[in-house]
């Protein structure tokens, strides 16, 4: 079988940490292009990985007949336009999370995927994690009984990424802690619980701790333009919400920044026969009862790198033209929840999810 020939659009953190090295580990892949609006980034990728060609404008390769697929690793405000352009050019797409900056853009991406028949996977990588898939299997097997409530906590002390940069500019990112971190937790929950349809949402989003950029105190940041005091901060640094679905009720507390010096990143699946606390990107404990005794079971198992699993699955989808578990039709439900929570926060009331 011929190799799948790919381009990586955006050569920043997620491209170098996840997409590029794992494409290179897949024997069925050849990277043809590294693209970035900062020429030095693309050129550095060519030098570092000893393959491909550096380009600045992705339009230059849209019509390349040798190109099969792309990874879109840009910031949120470019996800929709670039993904749509490549699908219209006959290429399959793996687009980083969130699907898009706002729901209308994600729905347009879905529409174009249907019209063109191209694969469009979204980078909700937890769908490929061994711990998550074990939790999903236990729920499907009935080990928890009826899962009626799921609670997620994605809270950190002072972790606003690149304050004053793209991450904290709503026009570019679409939001803050909810769209950046919450997307992973909410999508993971929908996946584990069998993709229930979201019905209503009620939430509040707070722009408090980072609003005065110059006086924001922190230990470290990983994003570019760290503490750009000439920048913008108009996104949520903390959020709370409740979502009703055709399955369990989902509730959550999230914070990029809180005045509590603890990091709490976990998901609780609560059922009638048992419950699971899943540590985000970590192990889980199953709580149940048997023979008049309460049990705590902590499974041990081999874990595969979930980014490698995600890339390999996307490559298989390109080869077979069969969508995987991160296909846009599934993951767009998370975009609908994000949109509804933000709408609810603006209106200060519960809203319906179409």
C-alpha atoms as a PDB file:
ATOM      1  CA  UNK A   1       0.000   0.000   0.000  1.00  0.00           C
ATOM      2  CA  UNK A   2       1.279   3.462  -0.911  1.00  0.00           C
ATOM      3  CA  UNK A   3       2.208   5.775   1.921  1.00  0.00           C
ATOM      4  CA  UNK A   4      -0.209   8.451   3.094  1.00  0.00           C
ATOM      5  CA  UNK A   5       1.368  11.798   2.284  1.00  0.00           C
ATOM      6  CA  UNK A   6       0.595  14.546   4.765  1.00  0.00           C
ATOM      7  CA  UNK A   7       1.209  18.205   5.518  1.00  0.00           C
ATOM      8  CA  UNK A   8       1.349  19.764   8.967  1.00  0.00           C
ATOM      9  CA  UNK A   9      -0.239  23.217   9.006  1.00  0.00           C
ATOM     10  CA  UNK A  10       1.091  25.168  11.983  1.00  0.00           C
ATOM     11  CA  UNK A  11       4.417  24.141  13.506  1.00  0.00           C
ATOM     12  CA  UNK A  12       3.924  25.217  17.114  1.00  0.00           C
ATOM     13  CA  UNK A  13       3.653  23.319  20.380  1.00  0.00           C
ATOM     14  CA  UNK A  14       0.987  20.710  19.583  1.00  0.00           C
ATOM     15  CA  UNK A  15       2.476  19.943  16.177  1.00  0.00           C
ATOM     16  CA  UNK A  16       5.931  19.268  17.632  1.00  0.00           C
ATOM     17  CA  UNK A  17       4.701  17.486  20.748  1.00  0.00           C
ATOM     18  CA  UNK A  18       2.132  15.210  19.151  1.00  0.00           C
ATOM     19  CA  UNK A  19       1.455  15.289  15.417  1.00  0.00           C
ATOM     20  CA  UNK A  20       4.870  15.379  13.771  1.00  0.00           C
ATOM     21  CA  UNK A  21       6.726  12.805  15.911  1.00  0.00           C
ATOM     22  CA  UNK A  22       3.843  10.354  15.744  1.00  0.00           C
ATOM     23  CA  UNK A  23       3.408  10.666  11.995  1.00  0.00           C
ATOM     24  CA  UNK A  24       7.106   9.865  11.726  1.00  0.00           C
ATOM     25  CA  UNK A  25       6.622   6.739  13.844  1.00  0.00           C
ATOM     26  CA  UNK A  26       3.942   5.436  11.481  1.00  0.00           C
ATOM     27  CA  UNK A  27       5.530   3.459   8.615  1.00  0.00           C
ATOM     28  CA  UNK A  28       2.576   4.249   6.333  1.00  0.00           C
ATOM     29  CA  UNK A  29       3.144   8.026   6.430  1.00  0.00           C
ATOM     30  CA  UNK A  30       5.386  10.469   4.603  1.00  0.00           C
ATOM     31  CA  UNK A  31       5.410  14.151   5.598  1.00  0.00           C
ATOM     32  CA  UNK A  32       5.601  16.309   2.475  1.00  0.00           C
ATOM     33  CA  UNK A  33       5.197  19.802   3.947  1.00  0.00           C
ATOM     34  CA  UNK A  34       5.636  21.842   7.092  1.00  0.00           C
ATOM     35  CA  UNK A  35       3.630  25.072   6.906  1.00  0.00           C
ATOM     36  CA  UNK A  36       3.731  28.052   9.260  1.00  0.00           C
ATOM     37  CA  UNK A  37       3.137  31.785   8.892  1.00  0.00           C
ATOM     38  CA  UNK A  38       6.421  32.227  10.752  1.00  0.00           C
ATOM     39  CA  UNK A  39       8.907  30.947   8.146  1.00  0.00           C
ATOM     40  CA  UNK A  40      11.547  30.057  10.728  1.00  0.00           C
ATOM     41  CA  UNK A  41       9.211  27.560  12.418  1.00  0.00           C
ATOM     42  CA  UNK A  42       8.579  25.647   9.208  1.00  0.00           C
ATOM     43  CA  UNK A  43      12.271  25.725   8.294  1.00  0.00           C
ATOM     44  CA  UNK A  44      13.244  24.509  11.764  1.00  0.00           C
ATOM     45  CA  UNK A  45      10.841  21.565  11.395  1.00  0.00           C
ATOM     46  CA  UNK A  46      12.439  20.547   8.098  1.00  0.00           C
ATOM     47  CA  UNK A  47      15.867  20.723   9.714  1.00  0.00           C
ATOM     48  CA  UNK A  48      14.840  18.951  12.919  1.00  0.00           C
ATOM     49  CA  UNK A  49      12.906  16.083  11.337  1.00  0.00           C
ATOM     50  CA  UNK A  50      15.022  15.803   8.174  1.00  0.00           C
ATOM     51  CA  UNK A  51      12.095  15.561   5.814  1.00  0.00           C
ATOM     52  CA  UNK A  52       9.501  17.646   4.002  1.00  0.00           C
ATOM     53  CA  UNK A  53       9.517  21.127   2.546  1.00  0.00           C
ATOM     54  CA  UNK A  54       8.948  24.397   4.405  1.00  0.00           C
ATOM     55  CA  UNK A  55       6.158  26.689   3.166  1.00  0.00           C
ATOM     56  CA  UNK A  56       4.464  29.803   4.520  1.00  0.00           C
ATOM     57  CA  UNK A  57       1.095  29.874   2.708  1.00  0.00           C
ATOM     58  CA  UNK A  58      -1.038  26.731   2.826  1.00  0.00           C
ATOM     59  CA  UNK A  59      -2.834  27.824  -0.352  1.00  0.00           C
ATOM     60  CA  UNK A  60       0.321  26.871  -2.269  1.00  0.00           C
ATOM     61  CA  UNK A  61      -0.291  23.155  -1.655  1.00  0.00           C
ATOM     62  CA  UNK A  62      -4.083  22.891  -1.832  1.00  0.00           C
ATOM     63  CA  UNK A  63      -3.996  21.483  -5.350  1.00  0.00           C
ATOM     64  CA  UNK A  64      -0.947  19.255  -4.943  1.00  0.00           C
ATOM     65  CA  UNK A  65      -2.103  15.867  -6.312  1.00  0.00           C
ATOM     66  CA  UNK A  66       0.522  14.083  -4.218  1.00  0.00           C
ATOM     67  CA  UNK A  67      -0.960  15.337  -0.927  1.00  0.00           C
ATOM     68  CA  UNK A  68      -3.511  13.074   0.791  1.00  0.00           C
ATOM     69  CA  UNK A  69      -4.198  14.623   4.184  1.00  0.00           C
ATOM     70  CA  UNK A  70      -3.311  17.422   6.600  1.00  0.00           C
ATOM     71  CA  UNK A  71      -3.081  18.093  10.303  1.00  0.00           C
ATOM     72  CA  UNK A  72      -4.396  21.550  11.189  1.00  0.00           C
ATOM     73  CA  UNK A  73      -2.404  22.658  14.236  1.00  0.00           C
ATOM     74  CA  UNK A  74      -3.039  26.391  14.096  1.00  0.00           C
ATOM     75  CA  UNK A  75      -4.829  28.557  16.620  1.00  0.00           C
ATOM     76  CA  UNK A  76      -8.614  28.259  16.901  1.00  0.00           C
ATOM     77  CA  UNK A  77      -9.538  31.125  14.597  1.00  0.00           C
ATOM     78  CA  UNK A  78      -7.983  29.399  11.579  1.00  0.00           C
ATOM     79  CA  UNK A  79      -9.351  25.871  12.160  1.00  0.00           C
ATOM     80  CA  UNK A  80     -12.513  26.212  10.096  1.00  0.00           C
ATOM     81  CA  UNK A  81     -11.123  28.101   7.093  1.00  0.00           C
ATOM     82  CA  UNK A  82      -8.081  25.874   6.631  1.00  0.00           C
ATOM     83  CA  UNK A  83      -9.981  22.612   7.197  1.00  0.00           C
ATOM     84  CA  UNK A  84     -12.711  23.627   4.755  1.00  0.00           C
ATOM     85  CA  UNK A  85     -10.229  24.701   2.098  1.00  0.00           C
ATOM     86  CA  UNK A  86      -8.399  21.378   2.234  1.00  0.00           C
ATOM     87  CA  UNK A  87     -11.581  19.303   2.216  1.00  0.00           C
ATOM     88  CA  UNK A  88     -12.801  21.235  -0.817  1.00  0.00           C
ATOM     89  CA  UNK A  89      -9.452  20.441  -2.432  1.00  0.00           C
ATOM     90  CA  UNK A  90     -10.030  16.720  -1.875  1.00  0.00           C
ATOM     91  CA  UNK A  91      -7.826  16.218   1.190  1.00  0.00           C
ATOM     92  CA  UNK A  92      -8.693  14.501   4.485  1.00  0.00           C
ATOM     93  CA  UNK A  93      -8.224  16.527   7.670  1.00  0.00           C
ATOM     94  CA  UNK A  94      -7.249  16.019  11.289  1.00  0.00           C
ATOM     95  CA  UNK A  95      -8.023  19.339  12.989  1.00  0.00           C
ATOM     96  CA  UNK A  96      -6.873  20.078  16.507  1.00  0.00           C
ATOM     97  CA  UNK A  97      -9.434  20.769  19.222  1.00  0.00           C
ATOM     98  CA  UNK A  98     -11.699  22.632  19.571  1.00  0.00           C
ATOM     99  CA  UNK A  99     -13.265  21.993  16.183  1.00  0.00           C
ATOM    100  CA  UNK A 100     -13.620  25.735  15.717  1.00  0.00           C
ATOM    101  CA  UNK A 101     -13.712  29.082  17.477  1.00  0.00           C
ATOM    102  CA  UNK A 102     -17.532  29.216  17.498  1.00  0.00           C
ATOM    103  CA  UNK A 103     -20.339  26.734  16.818  1.00  0.00           C
ATOM    104  CA  UNK A 104     -21.352  28.157  13.420  1.00  0.00           C
ATOM    105  CA  UNK A 105     -17.845  27.493  12.123  1.00  0.00           C
ATOM    106  CA  UNK A 106     -17.894  23.911  13.441  1.00  0.00           C
ATOM    107  CA  UNK A 107     -21.275  23.294  11.790  1.00  0.00           C
ATOM    108  CA  UNK A 108     -19.927  24.638   8.501  1.00  0.00           C
ATOM    109  CA  UNK A 109     -16.970  22.256   8.788  1.00  0.00           C
ATOM    110  CA  UNK A 110     -19.399  19.380   9.329  1.00  0.00           C
ATOM    111  CA  UNK A 111     -21.483  20.476   6.328  1.00  0.00           C
ATOM    112  CA  UNK A 112     -18.449  20.583   4.042  1.00  0.00           C
ATOM    113  CA  UNK A 113     -17.265  17.179   5.280  1.00  0.00           C
ATOM    114  CA  UNK A 114     -20.634  15.748   4.247  1.00  0.00           C
ATOM    115  CA  UNK A 115     -20.676  17.549   0.901  1.00  0.00           C
ATOM    116  CA  UNK A 116     -17.139  16.551  -0.062  1.00  0.00           C
ATOM    117  CA  UNK A 117     -17.149  13.094   1.495  1.00  0.00           C
ATOM    118  CA  UNK A 118     -13.772  13.787   3.120  1.00  0.00           C
ATOM    119  CA  UNK A 119     -12.651  12.509   6.502  1.00  0.00           C
ATOM    120  CA  UNK A 120     -12.720  15.248   9.164  1.00  0.00           C
ATOM    121  CA  UNK A 121     -11.432  14.134  12.550  1.00  0.00           C
ATOM    122  CA  UNK A 122     -11.127  16.485  15.521  1.00  0.00           C
ATOM    123  CA  UNK A 123      -8.182  16.262  17.922  1.00  0.00           C
ATOM    124  CA  UNK A 124     -10.060  15.188  21.041  1.00  0.00           C
ATOM    125  CA  UNK A 125      -7.249  12.815  21.854  1.00  0.00           C
ATOM    126  CA  UNK A 126      -8.771  11.295  25.002  1.00  0.00           C
ATOM    127  CA  UNK A 127     -11.044   9.181  22.800  1.00  0.00           C
ATOM    128  CA  UNK A 128      -7.915   7.157  22.000  1.00  0.00           C
ATOM    129  CA  UNK A 129      -6.591   6.792  25.561  1.00  0.00           C
ATOM    130  CA  UNK A 130      -6.478   3.340  27.148  1.00  0.00           C
ATOM    131  CA  UNK A 131      -7.776   4.569  30.518  1.00  0.00           C
ATOM    132  CA  UNK A 132     -10.755   6.297  28.894  1.00  0.00           C
ATOM    133  CA  UNK A 133     -11.617   3.305  26.737  1.00  0.00           C
ATOM    134  CA  UNK A 134     -11.509   1.005  29.764  1.00  0.00           C
ATOM    135  CA  UNK A 135     -13.954   3.274  31.581  1.00  0.00           C
ATOM    136  CA  UNK A 136     -16.178   3.320  28.497  1.00  0.00           C
ATOM    137  CA  UNK A 137     -16.092  -0.491  28.303  1.00  0.00           C
ATOM    138  CA  UNK A 138     -17.058  -0.828  31.980  1.00  0.00           C
ATOM    139  CA  UNK A 139     -20.000   1.537  31.515  1.00  0.00           C
ATOM    140  CA  UNK A 140     -21.140  -0.367  28.418  1.00  0.00           C
ATOM    141  CA  UNK A 141     -20.829  -3.684  30.302  1.00  0.00           C
ATOM    142  CA  UNK A 142     -23.162  -2.385  33.017  1.00  0.00           C
ATOM    143  CA  UNK A 143     -20.567  -2.467  35.792  1.00  0.00           C
ATOM    144  CA  UNK A 144     -21.750   0.936  37.028  1.00  0.00           C
ATOM    145  CA  UNK A 145     -25.447   0.256  36.503  1.00  0.00           C
ATOM    146  CA  UNK A 146     -27.279   3.364  35.340  1.00  0.00           C
ATOM    147  CA  UNK A 147     -24.858   6.262  35.053  1.00  0.00           C
ATOM    148  CA  UNK A 148     -27.068   9.164  36.084  1.00  0.00           C
ATOM    149  CA  UNK A 149     -24.580  11.947  36.912  1.00  0.00           C
ATOM    150  CA  UNK A 150     -21.050  12.785  35.783  1.00  0.00           C
ATOM    151  CA  UNK A 151     -19.003  15.532  37.435  1.00  0.00           C
ATOM    152  CA  UNK A 152     -15.813  17.016  36.004  1.00  0.00           C
ATOM    153  CA  UNK A 153     -13.209  19.189  37.697  1.00  0.00           C
ATOM    154  CA  UNK A 154     -10.544  20.928  35.615  1.00  0.00           C
ATOM    155  CA  UNK A 155      -9.191  23.470  38.048  1.00  0.00           C
ATOM    156  CA  UNK A 156      -5.724  24.935  38.508  1.00  0.00           C
ATOM    157  CA  UNK A 157      -4.249  27.698  40.661  1.00  0.00           C
ATOM    158  CA  UNK A 158      -2.667  30.234  38.280  1.00  0.00           C
ATOM    159  CA  UNK A 159      -2.325  28.653  34.841  1.00  0.00           C
ATOM    160  CA  UNK A 160      -3.560  31.157  32.263  1.00  0.00           C
ATOM    161  CA  UNK A 161      -1.576  30.355  29.075  1.00  0.00           C
ATOM    162  CA  UNK A 162       0.194  33.270  27.446  1.00  0.00           C
ATOM    163  CA  UNK A 163      -1.872  35.998  29.081  1.00  0.00           C
ATOM    164  CA  UNK A 164      -2.410  38.839  26.622  1.00  0.00           C
ATOM    165  CA  UNK A 165      -1.833  36.584  23.590  1.00  0.00           C
ATOM    166  CA  UNK A 166      -4.133  34.623  21.289  1.00  0.00           C
ATOM    167  CA  UNK A 167      -5.354  32.323  24.065  1.00  0.00           C
ATOM    168  CA  UNK A 168      -6.898  35.192  26.022  1.00  0.00           C
ATOM    169  CA  UNK A 169      -8.401  37.041  23.063  1.00  0.00           C
ATOM    170  CA  UNK A 170     -11.999  35.882  22.566  1.00  0.00           C
ATOM    171  CA  UNK A 171     -12.093  37.025  18.952  1.00  0.00           C
ATOM    172  CA  UNK A 172      -9.253  34.593  18.188  1.00  0.00           C
ATOM    173  CA  UNK A 173      -9.852  31.734  20.635  1.00  0.00           C
ATOM    174  CA  UNK A 174     -13.617  31.744  21.166  1.00  0.00           C
ATOM    175  CA  UNK A 175     -13.224  31.550  24.927  1.00  0.00           C
ATOM    176  CA  UNK A 176     -10.909  30.641  27.771  1.00  0.00           C
ATOM    177  CA  UNK A 177     -10.788  27.792  30.270  1.00  0.00           C
ATOM    178  CA  UNK A 178     -13.966  26.151  28.983  1.00  0.00           C
ATOM    179  CA  UNK A 179     -13.048  25.973  25.304  1.00  0.00           C
ATOM    180  CA  UNK A 180      -9.361  25.230  25.982  1.00  0.00           C
ATOM    181  CA  UNK A 181      -9.561  22.679  28.811  1.00  0.00           C
ATOM    182  CA  UNK A 182     -13.257  21.926  29.234  1.00  0.00           C
ATOM    183  CA  UNK A 183     -13.596  20.694  25.665  1.00  0.00           C
ATOM    184  CA  UNK A 184     -11.483  17.649  26.532  1.00  0.00           C
ATOM    185  CA  UNK A 185     -13.466  16.771  29.662  1.00  0.00           C
ATOM    186  CA  UNK A 186     -16.911  17.243  28.177  1.00  0.00           C
ATOM    187  CA  UNK A 187     -16.034  15.338  25.011  1.00  0.00           C
ATOM    188  CA  UNK A 188     -14.538  12.505  27.050  1.00  0.00           C
ATOM    189  CA  UNK A 189     -17.763  12.238  29.068  1.00  0.00           C
ATOM    190  CA  UNK A 190     -19.992  12.109  25.985  1.00  0.00           C
ATOM    191  CA  UNK A 191     -17.738   9.426  24.490  1.00  0.00           C
ATOM    192  CA  UNK A 192     -17.710   7.233  27.593  1.00  0.00           C
ATOM    193  CA  UNK A 193     -21.469   7.550  28.092  1.00  0.00           C
ATOM    194  CA  UNK A 194     -22.421   6.453  24.592  1.00  0.00           C
ATOM    195  CA  UNK A 195     -22.796   9.864  22.923  1.00  0.00           C
ATOM    196  CA  UNK A 196     -25.995  11.083  24.653  1.00  0.00           C
ATOM    197  CA  UNK A 197     -27.636  14.061  22.976  1.00  0.00           C
ATOM    198  CA  UNK A 198     -27.181  17.321  24.929  1.00  0.00           C
ATOM    199  CA  UNK A 199     -30.520  19.022  25.625  1.00  0.00           C
ATOM    200  CA  UNK A 200     -30.053  22.099  27.829  1.00  0.00           C
ATOM    201  CA  UNK A 201     -27.242  23.946  29.572  1.00  0.00           C
ATOM    202  CA  UNK A 202     -26.928  26.383  32.426  1.00  0.00           C
ATOM    203  CA  UNK A 203     -23.602  28.007  33.221  1.00  0.00           C
ATOM    204  CA  UNK A 204     -21.640  30.995  34.389  1.00  0.00           C
ATOM    205  CA  UNK A 205     -18.256  32.065  33.058  1.00  0.00           C
ATOM    206  CA  UNK A 206     -16.043  34.471  34.986  1.00  0.00           C
ATOM    207  CA  UNK A 207     -13.390  36.864  33.655  1.00  0.00           C
ATOM    208  CA  UNK A 208     -11.828  37.940  36.934  1.00  0.00           C
ATOM    209  CA  UNK A 209      -8.252  37.009  37.823  1.00  0.00           C
ATOM    210  CA  UNK A 210      -6.551  37.795  34.529  1.00  0.00           C
ATOM    211  CA  UNK A 211      -8.497  40.900  33.619  1.00  0.00           C
ATOM    212  CA  UNK A 212      -5.781  43.209  34.909  1.00  0.00           C
ATOM    213  CA  UNK A 213      -2.885  41.703  32.963  1.00  0.00           C
ATOM    214  CA  UNK A 214      -0.172  43.866  34.474  1.00  0.00           C
ATOM    215  CA  UNK A 215      -1.012  42.790  38.040  1.00  0.00           C
ATOM    216  CA  UNK A 216      -1.592  39.080  37.347  1.00  0.00           C
ATOM    217  CA  UNK A 217       0.799  37.005  39.478  1.00  0.00           C
ATOM    218  CA  UNK A 218       1.871  33.547  38.322  1.00  0.00           C
ATOM    219  CA  UNK A 219       4.725  31.060  38.420  1.00  0.00           C
ATOM    220  CA  UNK A 220       4.989  30.013  34.777  1.00  0.00           C
ATOM    221  CA  UNK A 221       3.214  29.976  31.408  1.00  0.00           C
ATOM    222  CA  UNK A 222       3.850  27.766  28.399  1.00  0.00           C
ATOM    223  CA  UNK A 223       2.250  29.704  25.543  1.00  0.00           C
ATOM    224  CA  UNK A 224       3.917  32.356  23.407  1.00  0.00           C
ATOM    225  CA  UNK A 225       3.812  36.063  24.307  1.00  0.00           C
ATOM    226  CA  UNK A 226       3.823  35.369  28.017  1.00  0.00           C
ATOM    227  CA  UNK A 227       2.244  38.290  29.886  1.00  0.00           C
ATOM    228  CA  UNK A 228       1.873  40.658  26.957  1.00  0.00           C
ATOM    229  CA  UNK A 229       0.623  43.693  28.859  1.00  0.00           C
ATOM    230  CA  UNK A 230      -0.311  45.371  25.575  1.00  0.00           C
ATOM    231  CA  UNK A 231      -2.570  42.424  24.731  1.00  0.00           C
ATOM    232  CA  UNK A 232      -6.192  41.465  25.314  1.00  0.00           C
ATOM    233  CA  UNK A 233      -7.799  39.498  28.141  1.00  0.00           C
ATOM    234  CA  UNK A 234     -11.555  39.051  27.674  1.00  0.00           C
ATOM    235  CA  UNK A 235     -12.116  35.308  28.185  1.00  0.00           C
ATOM    236  CA  UNK A 236     -13.229  33.086  31.039  1.00  0.00           C
ATOM    237  CA  UNK A 237     -10.562  32.141  33.553  1.00  0.00           C
ATOM    238  CA  UNK A 238     -13.146  30.075  35.467  1.00  0.00           C
ATOM    239  CA  UNK A 239     -16.484  28.479  34.639  1.00  0.00           C
ATOM    240  CA  UNK A 240     -19.230  26.359  36.184  1.00  0.00           C
ATOM    241  CA  UNK A 241     -22.120  24.612  34.522  1.00  0.00           C
ATOM    242  CA  UNK A 242     -24.770  21.915  34.318  1.00  0.00           C
ATOM    243  CA  UNK A 243     -25.830  20.117  31.137  1.00  0.00           C
ATOM    244  CA  UNK A 244     -28.871  17.890  30.781  1.00  0.00           C
ATOM    245  CA  UNK A 245     -28.636  15.145  28.156  1.00  0.00           C
ATOM    246  CA  UNK A 246     -30.668  12.158  26.999  1.00  0.00           C
ATOM    247  CA  UNK A 247     -28.367  10.200  29.316  1.00  0.00           C
ATOM    248  CA  UNK A 248     -26.684  11.419  32.488  1.00  0.00           C
ATOM    249  CA  UNK A 249     -26.632  14.955  33.828  1.00  0.00           C
ATOM    250  CA  UNK A 250     -23.201  16.548  33.419  1.00  0.00           C
ATOM    251  CA  UNK A 251     -21.858  19.138  35.848  1.00  0.00           C
ATOM    252  CA  UNK A 252     -18.455  20.752  36.007  1.00  0.00           C
ATOM    253  CA  UNK A 253     -16.154  23.275  37.676  1.00  0.00           C
ATOM    254  CA  UNK A 254     -13.259  24.618  35.647  1.00  0.00           C
ATOM    255  CA  UNK A 255     -10.544  27.219  36.129  1.00  0.00           C
ATOM    256  CA  UNK A 256      -7.397  28.294  34.372  1.00  0.00           C
ATOM    257  CA  UNK A 257      -6.884  30.442  37.430  1.00  0.00           C
ATOM    258  CA  UNK A 258      -8.383  30.304  40.914  1.00  0.00           C
ATOM    259  CA  UNK A 259      -7.277  31.595  44.292  1.00  0.00           C
ATOM    260  CA  UNK A 260      -7.053  28.060  45.626  1.00  0.00           C
ATOM    261  CA  UNK A 261      -3.580  26.572  45.501  1.00  0.00           C
ATOM    262  CA  UNK A 262      -4.656  23.108  44.398  1.00  0.00           C
ATOM    263  CA  UNK A 263      -4.952  21.436  41.015  1.00  0.00           C
ATOM    264  CA  UNK A 264      -8.012  19.183  40.740  1.00  0.00           C
ATOM    265  CA  UNK A 265      -8.345  17.402  37.407  1.00  0.00           C
ATOM    266  CA  UNK A 266     -10.668  14.421  37.513  1.00  0.00           C
ATOM    267  CA  UNK A 267     -14.006  13.052  36.318  1.00  0.00           C
ATOM    268  CA  UNK A 268     -16.523  11.212  38.532  1.00  0.00           C
ATOM    269  CA  UNK A 269     -18.905   8.775  36.836  1.00  0.00           C
ATOM    270  CA  UNK A 270     -21.710   8.027  39.294  1.00  0.00           C
ATOM    271  CA  UNK A 271     -23.929   5.006  38.752  1.00  0.00           C
ATOM    272  CA  UNK A 272     -26.493   2.950  40.623  1.00  0.00           C
ATOM    273  CA  UNK A 273     -24.175  -0.078  41.023  1.00  0.00           C
ATOM    274  CA  UNK A 274     -20.813   1.628  41.186  1.00  0.00           C
ATOM    275  CA  UNK A 275     -18.799   4.721  40.428  1.00  0.00           C
ATOM    276  CA  UNK A 276     -15.477   5.647  38.868  1.00  0.00           C
ATOM    277  CA  UNK A 277     -13.095   8.496  39.598  1.00  0.00           C
ATOM    278  CA  UNK A 278     -10.867   8.959  36.567  1.00  0.00           C
ATOM    279  CA  UNK A 279      -7.821  11.154  37.051  1.00  0.00           C
ATOM    280  CA  UNK A 280      -7.341  13.182  33.897  1.00  0.00           C
ATOM    281  CA  UNK A 281      -4.563  11.551  31.850  1.00  0.00           C
ATOM    282  CA  UNK A 282      -4.121   9.108  34.734  1.00  0.00           C
ATOM    283  CA  UNK A 283      -5.486   5.995  36.374  1.00  0.00           C
ATOM    284  CA  UNK A 284      -8.953   5.376  37.769  1.00  0.00           C
ATOM    285  CA  UNK A 285     -10.587   3.775  40.786  1.00  0.00           C
ATOM    286  CA  UNK A 286     -13.805   1.756  40.617  1.00  0.00           C
ATOM    287  CA  UNK A 287     -16.033   1.922  43.707  1.00  0.00           C
ATOM    288  CA  UNK A 288     -18.726  -0.710  44.229  1.00  0.00           C
ATOM    289  CA  UNK A 289     -20.110  -3.183  46.758  1.00  0.00           C
ATOM    290  CA  UNK A 290     -20.243  -6.967  46.967  1.00  0.00           C
ATOM    291  CA  UNK A 291     -21.306  -9.417  49.670  1.00  0.00           C
ATOM    292  CA  UNK A 292     -22.021  -6.645  52.206  1.00  0.00           C
ATOM    293  CA  UNK A 293     -18.614  -5.060  51.650  1.00  0.00           C
ATOM    294  CA  UNK A 294     -17.532  -1.835  49.976  1.00  0.00           C
ATOM    295  CA  UNK A 295     -14.836  -2.311  47.367  1.00  0.00           C
ATOM    296  CA  UNK A 296     -12.246  -0.021  45.810  1.00  0.00           C
ATOM    297  CA  UNK A 297     -10.617  -1.501  42.721  1.00  0.00           C
ATOM    298  CA  UNK A 298      -7.700   0.181  40.974  1.00  0.00           C
ATOM    299  CA  UNK A 299      -6.923  -1.602  37.706  1.00  0.00           C
ATOM    300  CA  UNK A 300      -3.386  -1.771  36.368  1.00  0.00           C
ATOM    301  CA  UNK A 301      -2.761  -2.187  32.655  1.00  0.00           C
ATOM    302  CA  UNK A 302      -0.404  -1.259  29.849  1.00  0.00           C
ATOM    303  CA  UNK A 303      -0.940   2.198  28.397  1.00  0.00           C
ATOM    304  CA  UNK A 304      -0.213   3.231  24.838  1.00  0.00           C
ATOM    305  CA  UNK A 305       0.639   6.845  24.007  1.00  0.00           C
ATOM    306  CA  UNK A 306      -2.733   8.320  23.140  1.00  0.00           C
ATOM    307  CA  UNK A 307      -1.354  10.778  20.609  1.00  0.00           C
ATOM    308  CA  UNK A 308       0.232   7.891  18.730  1.00  0.00           C
ATOM    309  CA  UNK A 309      -3.083   6.038  18.860  1.00  0.00           C
ATOM    310  CA  UNK A 310      -4.893   9.120  17.547  1.00  0.00           C
ATOM    311  CA  UNK A 311      -2.498   9.615  14.629  1.00  0.00           C
ATOM    312  CA  UNK A 312      -2.524   5.914  13.729  1.00  0.00           C
ATOM    313  CA  UNK A 313      -6.320   5.867  13.778  1.00  0.00           C
ATOM    314  CA  UNK A 314      -6.504   8.928  11.521  1.00  0.00           C
ATOM    315  CA  UNK A 315      -4.074   7.335   9.077  1.00  0.00           C
ATOM    316  CA  UNK A 316      -6.242   4.207   8.993  1.00  0.00           C
ATOM    317  CA  UNK A 317      -9.308   6.383   8.338  1.00  0.00           C
ATOM    318  CA  UNK A 318      -7.535   8.018   5.399  1.00  0.00           C
ATOM    319  CA  UNK A 319      -6.543   4.618   4.028  1.00  0.00           C
ATOM    320  CA  UNK A 320      -9.994   3.049   4.416  1.00  0.00           C
ATOM    321  CA  UNK A 321     -12.160   6.186   4.161  1.00  0.00           C
ATOM    322  CA  UNK A 322     -14.021   4.992   7.261  1.00  0.00           C
ATOM    323  CA  UNK A 323     -14.529   7.663   9.964  1.00  0.00           C
ATOM    324  CA  UNK A 324     -13.175   6.930  13.447  1.00  0.00           C
ATOM    325  CA  UNK A 325     -14.467   7.853  16.916  1.00  0.00           C
ATOM    326  CA  UNK A 326     -13.300  11.465  16.533  1.00  0.00           C
ATOM    327  CA  UNK A 327     -15.317  12.140  13.365  1.00  0.00           C
ATOM    328  CA  UNK A 328     -16.986  15.550  13.216  1.00  0.00           C
ATOM    329  CA  UNK A 329     -20.541  14.144  13.501  1.00  0.00           C
ATOM    330  CA  UNK A 330     -19.714  12.921  17.011  1.00  0.00           C
ATOM    331  CA  UNK A 331     -17.416  15.657  18.231  1.00  0.00           C
ATOM    332  CA  UNK A 332     -19.619  18.541  17.078  1.00  0.00           C
ATOM    333  CA  UNK A 333     -21.900  17.719  20.027  1.00  0.00           C
ATOM    334  CA  UNK A 334     -19.172  19.029  22.328  1.00  0.00           C
ATOM    335  CA  UNK A 335     -19.060  22.258  20.323  1.00  0.00           C
ATOM    336  CA  UNK A 336     -22.803  22.589  20.881  1.00  0.00           C
ATOM    337  CA  UNK A 337     -22.317  22.277  24.652  1.00  0.00           C
ATOM    338  CA  UNK A 338     -19.527  24.876  24.701  1.00  0.00           C
ATOM    339  CA  UNK A 339     -21.709  27.266  22.738  1.00  0.00           C
ATOM    340  CA  UNK A 340     -24.692  26.685  25.018  1.00  0.00           C
ATOM    341  CA  UNK A 341     -22.732  27.234  28.237  1.00  0.00           C
ATOM    342  CA  UNK A 342     -21.358  30.521  26.901  1.00  0.00           C
ATOM    343  CA  UNK A 343     -24.834  31.597  25.752  1.00  0.00           C
ATOM    344  CA  UNK A 344     -26.243  30.706  29.161  1.00  0.00           C
ATOM    345  CA  UNK A 345     -23.534  32.688  30.927  1.00  0.00           C
ATOM    346  CA  UNK A 346     -24.330  35.762  28.836  1.00  0.00           C
ATOM    347  CA  UNK A 347     -28.096  35.450  29.419  1.00  0.00           C
ATOM    348  CA  UNK A 348     -27.821  34.236  33.043  1.00  0.00           C
ATOM    349  CA  UNK A 349     -30.410  31.535  32.419  1.00  0.00           C
ATOM    350  CA  UNK A 350     -30.727  27.979  31.119  1.00  0.00           C
ATOM    351  CA  UNK A 351     -30.669  27.611  27.326  1.00  0.00           C
ATOM    352  CA  UNK A 352     -31.741  24.920  24.871  1.00  0.00           C
ATOM    353  CA  UNK A 353     -29.242  23.003  22.741  1.00  0.00           C
ATOM    354  CA  UNK A 354     -30.517  22.444  19.199  1.00  0.00           C
END
